[in-house]
Amino acid sequence: MSELNKVIEDRLTAVESNASTAATAASTAQAAAAAAQATADAANAKVSVGSSEPGSPTTGLLWADTGTPALKMWNGSAWIQFATA
């Protein structure tokens, strides 16, 4: 019986190891999916055109400032200028 117990114990250890590896892979995949979604959301950003700053901008919003003129993007806390005409 002791040999059978050893085989069972070894197999349980292998299953536990595989489960841990799978959990780590799932966590990594979820993080990658969240990052991909954030990138897609930023790529689908809207463009605002006008001479005054858009109210309540969201991160990634592009603003074609006709007053300057310049192309700017809201980074979440400030307008970053990309180009001027």
N, C-alpha and C. Protein backbone atom coordinates (compact mmCIF):
# COMPACT_ATOMS: atom_id res chain seq x y z
N MET A 1 0.81 -1.20 0.00
CA MET A 1 0.00 0.00 0.00
C MET A 1 0.85 1.26 0.00
N SER A 2 1.98 1.21 0.59
CA SER A 2 2.82 2.40 0.69
C SER A 2 3.27 2.87 -0.68
N GLU A 3 3.53 1.93 -1.59
CA GLU A 3 3.92 2.31 -2.96
C GLU A 3 2.76 3.00 -3.67
N LEU A 4 1.55 2.51 -3.48
CA LEU A 4 0.36 3.12 -4.07
C LEU A 4 0.16 4.53 -3.51
N ASN A 5 0.36 4.70 -2.23
CA ASN A 5 0.23 6.02 -1.61
C ASN A 5 1.24 7.00 -2.20
N LYS A 6 2.45 6.53 -2.47
CA LYS A 6 3.50 7.38 -3.06
C LYS A 6 3.09 7.82 -4.46
N VAL A 7 2.55 6.91 -5.26
CA VAL A 7 2.10 7.24 -6.61
C VAL A 7 0.98 8.27 -6.56
N ILE A 8 0.03 8.05 -5.67
CA ILE A 8 -1.09 8.99 -5.52
C ILE A 8 -0.58 10.35 -5.08
N GLU A 9 0.32 10.37 -4.12
CA GLU A 9 0.88 11.63 -3.63
C GLU A 9 1.62 12.37 -4.74
N ASP A 10 2.41 11.66 -5.52
CA ASP A 10 3.15 12.27 -6.63
C ASP A 10 2.19 12.87 -7.66
N ARG A 11 1.13 12.14 -7.96
CA ARG A 11 0.16 12.64 -8.95
C ARG A 11 -0.59 13.86 -8.43
N LEU A 12 -0.94 13.85 -7.15
CA LEU A 12 -1.62 15.01 -6.56
C LEU A 12 -0.71 16.24 -6.59
N THR A 13 0.56 16.03 -6.32
CA THR A 13 1.52 17.13 -6.37
C THR A 13 1.61 17.70 -7.78
N ALA A 14 1.62 16.82 -8.78
CA ALA A 14 1.67 17.26 -10.17
C ALA A 14 0.40 18.03 -10.54
N VAL A 15 -0.75 17.56 -10.09
CA VAL A 15 -2.02 18.25 -10.38
C VAL A 15 -2.02 19.63 -9.73
N GLU A 16 -1.56 19.72 -8.48
CA GLU A 16 -1.49 21.01 -7.80
C GLU A 16 -0.57 21.97 -8.52
N SER A 17 0.56 21.47 -8.99
CA SER A 17 1.51 22.30 -9.74
C SER A 17 0.89 22.80 -11.04
N ASN A 18 0.22 21.89 -11.76
CA ASN A 18 -0.43 22.28 -13.01
C ASN A 18 -1.54 23.31 -12.77
N ALA A 19 -2.28 23.15 -11.69
CA ALA A 19 -3.35 24.09 -11.36
C ALA A 19 -2.77 25.47 -11.06
N SER A 20 -1.67 25.50 -10.35
CA SER A 20 -1.01 26.76 -10.03
C SER A 20 -0.50 27.44 -11.30
N THR A 21 0.09 26.66 -12.19
CA THR A 21 0.57 27.20 -13.46
C THR A 21 -0.58 27.75 -14.29
N ALA A 22 -1.69 27.04 -14.31
CA ALA A 22 -2.86 27.49 -15.06
C ALA A 22 -3.43 28.77 -14.47
N ALA A 23 -3.46 28.89 -13.15
CA ALA A 23 -3.96 30.10 -12.50
C ALA A 23 -3.07 31.30 -12.83
N THR A 24 -1.78 31.09 -12.84
CA THR A 24 -0.85 32.16 -13.20
C THR A 24 -1.04 32.58 -14.65
N ALA A 25 -1.19 31.62 -15.54
CA ALA A 25 -1.42 31.93 -16.96
C ALA A 25 -2.73 32.68 -17.15
N ALA A 26 -3.77 32.30 -16.43
CA ALA A 26 -5.07 32.99 -16.53
C ALA A 26 -4.96 34.43 -16.06
N SER A 27 -4.24 34.64 -14.97
CA SER A 27 -4.05 35.99 -14.44
C SER A 27 -3.28 36.86 -15.44
N THR A 28 -2.24 36.29 -16.04
CA THR A 28 -1.46 37.01 -17.05
C THR A 28 -2.32 37.34 -18.26
N ALA A 29 -3.16 36.41 -18.68
CA ALA A 29 -4.04 36.63 -19.83
C ALA A 29 -5.06 37.73 -19.54
N GLN A 30 -5.59 37.75 -18.30
CA GLN A 30 -6.54 38.79 -17.93
C GLN A 30 -5.88 40.16 -17.95
N ALA A 31 -4.67 40.26 -17.46
CA ALA A 31 -3.95 41.53 -17.47
C ALA A 31 -3.68 41.99 -18.91
N ALA A 32 -3.30 41.05 -19.77
CA ALA A 32 -3.05 41.38 -21.18
C ALA A 32 -4.34 41.83 -21.87
N ALA A 33 -5.44 41.19 -21.54
CA ALA A 33 -6.73 41.58 -22.13
C ALA A 33 -7.12 42.98 -21.69
N ALA A 34 -6.90 43.30 -20.42
CA ALA A 34 -7.21 44.64 -19.91
C ALA A 34 -6.36 45.69 -20.60
N ALA A 35 -5.08 45.39 -20.80
CA ALA A 35 -4.19 46.33 -21.49
C ALA A 35 -4.61 46.50 -22.95
N ALA A 36 -4.99 45.41 -23.59
CA ALA A 36 -5.45 45.49 -24.98
C ALA A 36 -6.73 46.31 -25.09
N GLN A 37 -7.63 46.15 -24.12
CA GLN A 37 -8.87 46.92 -24.12
C GLN A 37 -8.58 48.41 -23.94
N ALA A 38 -7.64 48.75 -23.07
CA ALA A 38 -7.28 50.15 -22.86
C ALA A 38 -6.68 50.74 -24.14
N THR A 39 -5.87 49.97 -24.84
CA THR A 39 -5.29 50.44 -26.09
C THR A 39 -6.37 50.63 -27.14
N ALA A 40 -7.31 49.70 -27.21
CA ALA A 40 -8.41 49.81 -28.18
C ALA A 40 -9.28 51.01 -27.85
N ASP A 41 -9.55 51.22 -26.57
CA ASP A 41 -10.36 52.37 -26.16
C ASP A 41 -9.68 53.67 -26.57
N ALA A 42 -8.37 53.75 -26.37
CA ALA A 42 -7.62 54.96 -26.74
C ALA A 42 -7.64 55.15 -28.26
N ALA A 43 -7.56 54.05 -29.01
CA ALA A 43 -7.56 54.13 -30.47
C ALA A 43 -8.92 54.59 -31.00
N ASN A 44 -9.97 54.34 -30.24
CA ASN A 44 -11.31 54.74 -30.66
C ASN A 44 -11.71 56.10 -30.09
N ALA A 45 -10.72 56.87 -29.68
CA ALA A 45 -10.99 58.17 -29.08
C ALA A 45 -11.69 59.09 -30.08
N LYS A 46 -12.47 59.98 -29.54
CA LYS A 46 -13.18 60.96 -30.35
C LYS A 46 -12.26 62.13 -30.68
N VAL A 47 -12.64 62.92 -31.66
CA VAL A 47 -11.92 64.12 -32.03
C VAL A 47 -12.85 65.30 -31.85
N SER A 48 -12.37 66.31 -31.15
CA SER A 48 -13.13 67.54 -30.95
C SER A 48 -12.47 68.64 -31.76
N VAL A 49 -13.28 69.47 -32.41
CA VAL A 49 -12.75 70.56 -33.21
C VAL A 49 -13.36 71.86 -32.68
N GLY A 50 -12.50 72.83 -32.39
CA GLY A 50 -12.99 74.12 -31.92
C GLY A 50 -11.86 74.97 -31.38
N SER A 51 -12.19 76.23 -31.04
CA SER A 51 -11.17 77.15 -30.56
C SER A 51 -11.04 77.14 -29.04
N SER A 52 -11.94 76.46 -28.33
CA SER A 52 -11.82 76.38 -26.87
C SER A 52 -11.74 74.92 -26.43
N GLU A 53 -11.10 74.70 -25.28
CA GLU A 53 -10.92 73.34 -24.76
C GLU A 53 -12.26 72.64 -24.56
N PRO A 54 -12.36 71.38 -24.97
CA PRO A 54 -13.59 70.61 -24.73
C PRO A 54 -13.81 70.42 -23.22
N GLY A 55 -15.05 70.51 -22.79
CA GLY A 55 -15.36 70.27 -21.39
C GLY A 55 -15.33 68.79 -21.05
N SER A 56 -14.87 68.45 -19.86
CA SER A 56 -14.80 67.07 -19.36
C SER A 56 -14.15 66.11 -20.35
N PRO A 57 -12.90 66.37 -20.76
CA PRO A 57 -12.25 65.47 -21.71
C PRO A 57 -11.94 64.11 -21.09
N THR A 58 -11.93 63.09 -21.91
CA THR A 58 -11.53 61.76 -21.47
C THR A 58 -10.13 61.47 -22.02
N THR A 59 -9.40 60.61 -21.33
CA THR A 59 -8.04 60.29 -21.75
C THR A 59 -8.04 59.79 -23.20
N GLY A 60 -7.14 60.36 -23.99
CA GLY A 60 -7.02 59.98 -25.40
C GLY A 60 -7.81 60.87 -26.34
N LEU A 61 -8.63 61.79 -25.79
CA LEU A 61 -9.41 62.68 -26.65
C LEU A 61 -8.48 63.56 -27.46
N LEU A 62 -8.72 63.63 -28.77
CA LEU A 62 -7.95 64.52 -29.63
C LEU A 62 -8.73 65.81 -29.80
N TRP A 63 -8.02 66.94 -29.78
CA TRP A 63 -8.64 68.24 -29.94
C TRP A 63 -7.91 68.99 -31.04
N ALA A 64 -8.62 69.28 -32.12
CA ALA A 64 -8.09 70.11 -33.19
C ALA A 64 -8.41 71.55 -32.79
N ASP A 65 -7.44 72.23 -32.18
CA ASP A 65 -7.61 73.59 -31.67
C ASP A 65 -7.51 74.56 -32.85
N THR A 66 -8.65 75.08 -33.26
CA THR A 66 -8.68 75.99 -34.41
C THR A 66 -8.21 77.39 -34.05
N GLY A 67 -8.09 77.68 -32.75
CA GLY A 67 -7.62 78.99 -32.32
C GLY A 67 -6.11 79.13 -32.43
N THR A 68 -5.38 78.03 -32.23
CA THR A 68 -3.91 78.10 -32.22
C THR A 68 -3.30 78.12 -33.62
N PRO A 69 -3.58 77.41 -34.60
CA PRO A 69 -4.17 76.07 -34.67
C PRO A 69 -3.15 75.00 -34.30
N ALA A 70 -3.64 73.94 -33.63
CA ALA A 70 -2.76 72.85 -33.20
C ALA A 70 -3.59 71.60 -32.96
N LEU A 71 -2.92 70.45 -33.02
CA LEU A 71 -3.55 69.18 -32.68
C LEU A 71 -3.04 68.78 -31.31
N LYS A 72 -3.98 68.51 -30.38
CA LYS A 72 -3.61 68.19 -29.00
C LYS A 72 -4.35 66.93 -28.55
N MET A 73 -3.79 66.26 -27.52
CA MET A 73 -4.42 65.08 -26.96
C MET A 73 -4.46 65.21 -25.44
N TRP A 74 -5.59 64.84 -24.84
CA TRP A 74 -5.73 64.86 -23.38
C TRP A 74 -5.11 63.59 -22.83
N ASN A 75 -4.12 63.72 -21.94
CA ASN A 75 -3.44 62.54 -21.38
C ASN A 75 -4.01 62.11 -20.04
N GLY A 76 -5.10 62.72 -19.64
CA GLY A 76 -5.73 62.40 -18.37
C GLY A 76 -5.59 63.52 -17.36
N SER A 77 -4.60 64.41 -17.60
CA SER A 77 -4.40 65.53 -16.68
C SER A 77 -4.01 66.83 -17.39
N ALA A 78 -3.60 66.73 -18.66
CA ALA A 78 -3.19 67.93 -19.39
C ALA A 78 -3.30 67.69 -20.90
N TRP A 79 -3.36 68.79 -21.66
CA TRP A 79 -3.35 68.71 -23.12
C TRP A 79 -1.92 68.65 -23.58
N ILE A 80 -1.60 67.66 -24.39
CA ILE A 80 -0.27 67.49 -24.95
C ILE A 80 -0.37 67.89 -26.44
N GLN A 81 0.44 68.84 -26.84
CA GLN A 81 0.40 69.32 -28.23
C GLN A 81 1.26 68.43 -29.10
N PHE A 82 0.67 68.01 -30.24
CA PHE A 82 1.38 67.14 -31.18
C PHE A 82 1.92 67.91 -32.37
N ALA A 83 1.12 68.81 -32.90
CA ALA A 83 1.52 69.51 -34.12
C ALA A 83 0.83 70.86 -34.20
N THR A 84 1.47 71.75 -34.94
CA THR A 84 0.84 73.06 -35.22
C THR A 84 0.78 73.23 -36.72
N ALA A 85 -0.17 74.03 -37.14
CA ALA A 85 -0.32 74.27 -38.59
C ALA A 85 0.52 75.42 -39.03
